[in-house]
């Protein structure tokens, strides 16, 4: 049996195939979009739990960042600003992976990644609006009073310490990021006031860098070094060298006044420990038990600075957070104290020691 096909049949089949291709081209299948959730649909308690900010703070953030986050496209399914903001906040607050975070806001993992990047870029550009060291006389007087009320230590403008934020091992120079506790991290320097408000951040040094080195390289240290008659100090633990503007503990107190100085110093500097506890409680993405951040060192620094900004916003709005107060451990970062003491010995001078001796004599 032979099968014969006429030329008319061939032309007919060809036309049918071409028509089907045209239909596919001009009538594509409908795309399926996930339902997007609004933070306004949640209770205030749910919003605080999920985003670590209240509804008004989130609304204000959306308005502040709107011009940076609005999509240039006119598509009807472009991601709204509020979804971008809440997606980023959810990741920072929970420390969960992007896929699960995206599920709570109705966007894909790739959209979540893009939203986080846009949010971080926009917020970090405004860091100077939210993280400010007190430079004006009225601000300084207020900060000094609040510090004095803690333990009677006079003329304090801030306390300083560093915390490590874990990250995945970078593909290059990974040894520079391995810290004393043998995990990869960025070593973040923070200065705060008596109410745990963060007033200065240095977020750019790898975990192997010493706390004292980071402070020495900071713009704040340069500013304070150039001030001839500051009349005030910041407090640091034994990891930092004694300076005319930086008061450290007395290694071997020899009088009741020096012991009283050390006790007041210890109780005052404990505020930085509380600040770190609040910061990690609000934003679990920077808390090591939650795992290392799976980003480049540059993006980890952006994430940390964004958390500091949001922490200050939360404090300004009196948004509560429950933490367990623990005694301040001046050697909590496990610094090599032999190297530290050598650094202090080399950098001390009779003039600087005289400044601290005068402080002890006049106030303790």
Protein backbone atom coordinates (compact mmCIF):
# COMPACT_ATOMS: atom_id res chain seq x y z
CA UNK A 1 0.00 0.00 0.00
CA UNK A 2 1.43 3.33 -1.01
CA UNK A 3 0.58 6.68 0.59
CA UNK A 4 0.47 9.61 -1.75
CA UNK A 5 0.25 13.25 -0.67
CA UNK A 6 -0.70 15.87 -3.13
CA UNK A 7 0.93 19.28 -3.37
CA UNK A 8 -2.34 20.84 -2.17
CA UNK A 9 -2.15 18.80 1.05
CA UNK A 10 1.43 19.91 1.65
CA UNK A 11 0.50 23.56 1.23
CA UNK A 12 -2.48 23.13 3.55
CA UNK A 13 -0.31 21.62 6.31
CA UNK A 14 2.29 24.34 5.88
CA UNK A 15 -0.37 27.05 6.32
CA UNK A 16 -1.66 25.36 9.49
CA UNK A 17 1.80 25.24 11.06
CA UNK A 18 2.45 28.90 10.20
CA UNK A 19 -0.90 29.96 11.73
CA UNK A 20 -0.12 28.11 14.95
CA UNK A 21 3.22 29.86 15.21
CA UNK A 22 1.55 33.23 14.72
CA UNK A 23 -0.93 32.49 17.47
CA UNK A 24 1.87 31.62 19.88
CA UNK A 25 3.69 34.82 18.99
CA UNK A 26 0.76 37.20 19.44
CA UNK A 27 -1.22 35.36 22.11
CA UNK A 28 1.23 34.11 24.74
CA UNK A 29 0.07 32.04 27.69
CA UNK A 30 -0.97 34.10 30.71
CA UNK A 31 1.79 34.52 33.31
CA UNK A 32 0.99 33.42 36.85
CA UNK A 33 1.75 35.97 39.59
CA UNK A 34 1.88 35.19 43.29
CA UNK A 35 -0.44 36.99 45.65
CA UNK A 36 1.39 39.88 47.25
CA UNK A 37 0.83 40.54 50.91
CA UNK A 38 0.72 43.99 52.50
CA UNK A 39 2.09 44.74 55.96
CA UNK A 40 -1.05 46.84 56.49
CA UNK A 41 -3.08 43.62 56.53
CA UNK A 42 -1.19 42.41 59.62
CA UNK A 43 -1.70 43.37 63.24
CA UNK A 44 0.82 45.71 64.88
CA UNK A 45 2.15 42.78 66.89
CA UNK A 46 2.64 40.67 63.76
CA UNK A 47 4.42 43.54 62.00
CA UNK A 48 6.83 44.01 64.93
CA UNK A 49 7.56 40.30 65.06
CA UNK A 50 8.16 39.97 61.33
CA UNK A 51 9.93 43.24 60.49
CA UNK A 52 11.29 44.58 63.84
CA UNK A 53 9.65 47.94 63.05
CA UNK A 54 6.11 49.21 63.51
CA UNK A 55 3.71 50.13 60.71
CA UNK A 56 4.40 53.87 60.89
CA UNK A 57 8.17 53.36 60.71
CA UNK A 58 7.77 51.11 57.66
CA UNK A 59 5.45 53.63 56.02
CA UNK A 60 7.97 56.43 56.67
CA UNK A 61 10.77 54.29 55.20
CA UNK A 62 8.72 53.64 52.08
CA UNK A 63 8.17 57.36 51.58
CA UNK A 64 11.82 58.16 52.29
CA UNK A 65 13.13 55.60 49.79
CA UNK A 66 10.34 55.82 47.22
CA UNK A 67 12.28 57.70 44.54
CA UNK A 68 15.11 55.19 44.77
CA UNK A 69 12.95 52.07 44.79
CA UNK A 70 10.15 52.86 42.34
CA UNK A 71 10.41 50.79 39.17
CA UNK A 72 11.13 52.70 36.00
CA UNK A 73 8.88 50.31 34.06
CA UNK A 74 5.20 51.00 33.63
CA UNK A 75 4.20 47.35 33.87
CA UNK A 76 1.17 46.65 36.00
CA UNK A 77 2.99 43.87 37.86
CA UNK A 78 6.09 45.88 38.82
CA UNK A 79 7.03 45.24 42.46
CA UNK A 80 5.64 48.02 44.69
CA UNK A 81 7.95 49.98 46.97
CA UNK A 82 6.26 48.63 50.11
CA UNK A 83 6.89 45.04 49.00
CA UNK A 84 10.56 45.76 48.35
CA UNK A 85 10.95 47.40 51.76
CA UNK A 86 9.14 44.72 53.73
CA UNK A 87 10.94 41.91 51.86
CA UNK A 88 14.30 43.42 52.82
CA UNK A 89 13.20 44.07 56.42
CA UNK A 90 11.93 40.51 56.76
CA UNK A 91 15.30 39.12 55.69
CA UNK A 92 17.24 41.43 58.02
CA UNK A 93 14.97 40.69 60.97
CA UNK A 94 14.75 36.92 60.52
CA UNK A 95 18.07 35.99 58.94
CA UNK A 96 16.20 33.38 56.87
CA UNK A 97 17.14 32.41 53.34
CA UNK A 98 15.81 34.55 50.52
CA UNK A 99 13.46 31.87 49.17
CA UNK A 100 11.50 31.56 52.43
CA UNK A 101 11.60 35.32 52.94
CA UNK A 102 10.18 35.87 49.46
CA UNK A 103 7.29 33.54 50.23
CA UNK A 104 6.08 35.85 53.01
CA UNK A 105 5.80 38.79 50.64
CA UNK A 106 4.71 36.98 47.50
CA UNK A 107 7.82 37.50 45.37
CA UNK A 108 10.35 35.09 43.88
CA UNK A 109 13.87 34.54 45.19
CA UNK A 110 15.40 36.50 42.31
CA UNK A 111 13.02 39.40 42.95
CA UNK A 112 13.85 39.19 46.66
CA UNK A 113 17.58 39.44 45.90
CA UNK A 114 17.03 42.46 43.67
CA UNK A 115 14.78 44.14 46.25
CA UNK A 116 17.34 43.62 49.02
CA UNK A 117 20.13 45.11 46.91
CA UNK A 118 18.06 48.16 45.98
CA UNK A 119 16.96 48.67 49.58
CA UNK A 120 20.50 48.44 50.97
CA UNK A 121 21.88 50.85 48.36
CA UNK A 122 19.14 53.39 49.06
CA UNK A 123 19.33 53.18 52.86
CA UNK A 124 23.13 53.20 53.18
CA UNK A 125 23.30 56.37 51.05
CA UNK A 126 21.37 58.07 53.87
CA UNK A 127 23.57 56.77 56.71
CA UNK A 128 24.73 60.23 57.77
CA UNK A 129 21.14 61.23 58.47
CA UNK A 130 20.71 58.46 61.04
CA UNK A 131 24.19 57.72 62.47
CA UNK A 132 25.75 60.93 63.81
CA UNK A 133 28.43 61.49 66.47
CA UNK A 134 27.50 64.40 68.80
CA UNK A 135 29.57 67.35 67.60
CA UNK A 136 27.44 70.30 68.72
CA UNK A 137 27.67 71.66 72.28
CA UNK A 138 24.01 71.11 73.17
CA UNK A 139 24.13 67.50 71.94
CA UNK A 140 27.34 66.84 73.86
CA UNK A 141 25.96 68.23 77.10
CA UNK A 142 22.91 65.99 76.85
CA UNK A 143 25.02 62.89 76.12
CA UNK A 144 27.39 63.68 79.02
CA UNK A 145 24.49 63.97 81.47
CA UNK A 146 23.02 60.66 80.37
CA UNK A 147 26.36 58.86 80.72
CA UNK A 148 27.02 60.44 84.13
CA UNK A 149 23.67 59.12 85.36
CA UNK A 150 24.81 55.52 84.71
CA UNK A 151 27.77 55.31 87.09
CA UNK A 152 29.07 58.82 87.74
CA UNK A 153 31.73 58.85 85.02
CA UNK A 154 32.06 62.46 83.81
CA UNK A 155 32.35 64.00 80.34
CA UNK A 156 31.68 60.90 78.24
CA UNK A 157 30.56 61.26 74.61
CA UNK A 158 30.43 57.57 73.72
CA UNK A 159 31.70 54.04 74.30
CA UNK A 160 33.46 52.00 71.65
CA UNK A 161 33.85 48.30 70.90
CA UNK A 162 33.85 45.89 67.95
CA UNK A 163 31.67 42.93 67.01
CA UNK A 164 32.27 40.20 64.45
CA UNK A 165 29.67 39.45 61.77
CA UNK A 166 30.14 36.00 60.25
CA UNK A 167 30.24 35.57 56.48
CA UNK A 168 31.04 32.78 54.03
CA UNK A 169 34.72 32.35 53.21
CA UNK A 170 35.57 34.78 50.38
CA UNK A 171 37.12 33.17 47.28
CA UNK A 172 40.23 35.37 47.59
CA UNK A 173 42.41 36.15 50.62
CA UNK A 174 40.14 34.16 52.93
CA UNK A 175 42.84 34.11 55.65
CA UNK A 176 42.37 37.88 56.15
CA UNK A 177 38.76 37.22 57.16
CA UNK A 178 39.50 34.48 59.71
CA UNK A 179 39.31 35.92 63.23
CA UNK A 180 40.67 34.82 66.61
CA UNK A 181 37.69 32.51 67.10
CA UNK A 182 38.57 30.72 63.85
CA UNK A 183 35.58 31.70 61.71
CA UNK A 184 35.37 34.12 58.79
CA UNK A 185 33.95 37.52 59.64
CA UNK A 186 33.97 41.27 59.22
CA UNK A 187 35.07 43.17 62.33
CA UNK A 188 32.64 46.06 62.83
CA UNK A 189 33.52 49.01 65.08
CA UNK A 190 30.61 50.74 66.81
CA UNK A 191 30.32 53.79 69.08
CA UNK A 192 27.09 54.30 71.02
CA UNK A 193 25.64 56.73 73.55
CA UNK A 194 24.11 56.05 76.96
CA UNK A 195 20.74 55.12 75.45
CA UNK A 196 22.25 52.57 73.03
CA UNK A 197 21.88 54.92 70.05
CA UNK A 198 24.64 54.15 67.55
CA UNK A 199 26.63 57.31 66.76
CA UNK A 200 29.53 55.97 64.68
CA UNK A 201 30.16 52.85 62.60
CA UNK A 202 33.27 51.57 60.81
CA UNK A 203 32.22 48.63 58.66
CA UNK A 204 34.96 47.71 56.20
CA UNK A 205 37.69 45.69 57.95
CA UNK A 206 38.09 41.88 57.82
CA UNK A 207 37.91 39.72 60.92
CA UNK A 208 41.68 39.40 61.33
CA UNK A 209 42.06 43.14 61.98
CA UNK A 210 42.65 44.18 65.59
CA UNK A 211 40.11 46.40 67.32
CA UNK A 212 42.73 49.05 68.10
CA UNK A 213 43.90 49.13 64.48
CA UNK A 214 40.35 49.70 63.22
CA UNK A 215 39.81 52.60 65.63
CA UNK A 216 43.17 54.10 64.68
CA UNK A 217 42.21 54.05 60.98
CA UNK A 218 38.78 55.61 61.54
CA UNK A 219 37.70 59.13 60.61
CA UNK A 220 36.46 59.62 64.18
CA UNK A 221 39.93 58.97 65.62
CA UNK A 222 41.45 61.44 63.17
CA UNK A 223 38.86 64.04 64.15
CA UNK A 224 39.43 63.57 67.88
CA UNK A 225 43.23 63.54 67.45
CA UNK A 226 43.03 66.96 65.79
CA UNK A 227 40.93 68.43 68.60
CA UNK A 228 43.33 70.12 71.00
CA UNK A 229 41.01 70.74 73.95
CA UNK A 230 38.10 68.33 73.76
CA UNK A 231 37.29 68.26 77.48
CA UNK A 232 35.47 64.95 77.00
CA UNK A 233 36.25 61.32 76.29
CA UNK A 234 34.99 58.10 74.85
CA UNK A 235 35.48 54.86 76.79
CA UNK A 236 37.16 51.73 75.49
CA UNK A 237 38.20 48.42 77.01
CA UNK A 238 41.70 46.99 77.33
CA UNK A 239 41.85 46.27 73.59
CA UNK A 240 42.40 49.98 72.91
CA UNK A 241 45.32 52.29 73.69
CA UNK A 242 44.95 55.10 76.21
CA UNK A 243 44.66 58.48 74.46
CA UNK A 244 43.81 62.03 75.45
CA UNK A 245 40.26 61.40 74.18
CA UNK A 246 40.00 57.65 74.96
CA UNK A 247 39.90 56.44 78.55
CA UNK A 248 40.74 52.78 79.22
CA UNK A 249 40.81 50.76 82.47
CA UNK A 250 43.79 51.02 84.82
CA UNK A 251 45.58 47.69 84.57
CA UNK A 252 46.79 47.64 88.20
CA UNK A 253 44.86 50.11 90.39
CA UNK A 254 46.93 51.24 93.36
CA UNK A 255 44.48 53.44 95.28
CA UNK A 256 40.78 53.54 96.22
CA UNK A 257 40.30 56.35 93.69
CA UNK A 258 41.73 54.21 90.88
CA UNK A 259 39.55 51.27 91.92
CA UNK A 260 36.52 53.56 91.92
CA UNK A 261 37.54 54.81 88.46
CA UNK A 262 37.74 51.22 87.16
CA UNK A 263 34.37 50.29 88.63
CA UNK A 264 32.67 53.35 87.13
CA UNK A 265 34.40 52.68 83.81
CA UNK A 266 33.24 49.06 83.82
CA UNK A 267 29.61 49.90 84.62
CA UNK A 268 29.48 52.69 82.04
CA UNK A 269 31.04 50.78 79.16
CA UNK A 270 28.52 47.97 79.66
CA UNK A 271 26.10 50.00 77.50
CA UNK A 272 27.95 48.83 74.36
CA UNK A 273 27.30 45.21 75.30
CA UNK A 274 23.61 46.01 75.63
CA UNK A 275 23.66 47.80 72.27
CA UNK A 276 25.12 44.73 70.54
CA UNK A 277 22.55 42.49 72.24
CA UNK A 278 19.66 44.68 71.07
CA UNK A 279 21.11 44.93 67.57
CA UNK A 280 21.43 41.14 67.20
CA UNK A 281 18.03 40.55 68.77
CA UNK A 282 16.31 42.91 66.31
CA UNK A 283 18.25 41.73 63.26
CA UNK A 284 19.07 38.05 63.47
CA UNK A 285 20.83 38.09 60.10
CA UNK A 286 23.98 39.43 61.86
CA UNK A 287 23.80 36.98 64.77
CA UNK A 288 26.22 34.08 64.28
CA UNK A 289 23.98 31.32 65.76
CA UNK A 290 21.68 32.03 62.81
CA UNK A 291 24.50 31.14 60.40
CA UNK A 292 26.98 33.07 58.27
CA UNK A 293 25.81 35.65 55.77
CA UNK A 294 26.15 34.21 52.26
CA UNK A 295 27.30 37.43 50.63
CA UNK A 296 30.47 39.23 49.62
CA UNK A 297 32.35 41.24 52.31
CA UNK A 298 31.15 44.50 50.73
CA UNK A 299 27.50 43.47 50.92
CA UNK A 300 27.89 42.17 54.49
CA UNK A 301 29.16 45.64 55.45
CA UNK A 302 26.13 47.19 53.76
CA UNK A 303 23.83 44.83 55.66
CA UNK A 304 25.45 45.70 58.99
CA UNK A 305 25.28 49.44 58.39
CA UNK A 306 21.63 49.12 57.33
CA UNK A 307 20.89 47.24 60.58
CA UNK A 308 22.54 50.05 62.58
CA UNK A 309 20.40 52.65 60.80
CA UNK A 310 17.21 50.66 61.40
CA UNK A 311 18.23 50.12 65.04
CA UNK A 312 18.40 53.89 65.51
CA UNK A 313 15.03 54.33 63.82
CA UNK A 314 13.53 51.75 66.18
CA UNK A 315 15.03 53.50 69.23
CA UNK A 316 13.69 56.86 68.09
CA UNK A 317 10.21 55.34 67.94
CA UNK A 318 10.63 53.52 71.30
CA UNK A 319 10.00 50.15 69.68
CA UNK A 320 10.60 47.59 72.45
CA UNK A 321 12.87 44.56 72.29
CA UNK A 322 13.43 42.04 75.05
CA UNK A 323 17.01 40.99 75.80
CA UNK A 324 18.77 39.27 78.66
CA UNK A 325 21.22 41.59 80.39
CA UNK A 326 24.58 39.89 80.96
CA UNK A 327 27.65 41.27 82.73
CA UNK A 328 30.06 43.12 80.46
CA UNK A 329 33.14 41.08 79.58
CA UNK A 330 35.93 43.48 78.62
CA UNK A 331 37.75 40.68 76.79
CA UNK A 332 34.67 39.29 75.03
CA UNK A 333 36.30 39.41 71.59
CA UNK A 334 39.26 37.26 72.75
CA UNK A 335 41.87 39.76 71.65
CA UNK A 336 45.52 38.84 72.06
CA UNK A 337 46.07 40.81 75.26
CA UNK A 338 49.85 40.44 75.11
CA UNK A 339 49.88 42.34 71.82
CA UNK A 340 47.33 44.82 73.15
CA UNK A 341 49.35 45.69 76.25
CA UNK A 342 52.45 46.13 74.11
CA UNK A 343 50.51 48.47 71.81
CA UNK A 344 49.28 50.47 74.76
CA UNK A 345 52.78 50.72 76.25
CA UNK A 346 54.19 51.98 72.99
CA UNK A 347 51.46 54.56 72.40
CA UNK A 348 51.17 55.88 75.95
CA UNK A 349 53.00 59.07 76.82
CA UNK A 350 53.49 60.96 80.03
CA UNK A 351 51.04 63.58 78.79
CA UNK A 352 48.26 61.05 78.17
CA UNK A 353 48.86 59.30 81.50
CA UNK A 354 48.71 62.68 83.20
CA UNK A 355 45.30 63.34 81.65
CA UNK A 356 43.91 60.14 83.15
CA UNK A 357 45.61 60.77 86.51
CA UNK A 358 44.02 64.22 86.65
CA UNK A 359 40.62 62.72 85.83
CA UNK A 360 40.98 60.18 88.64
CA UNK A 361 42.09 62.85 91.12
CA UNK A 362 39.33 65.35 90.29
CA UNK A 363 36.34 63.00 90.05
CA UNK A 364 37.09 59.76 91.87
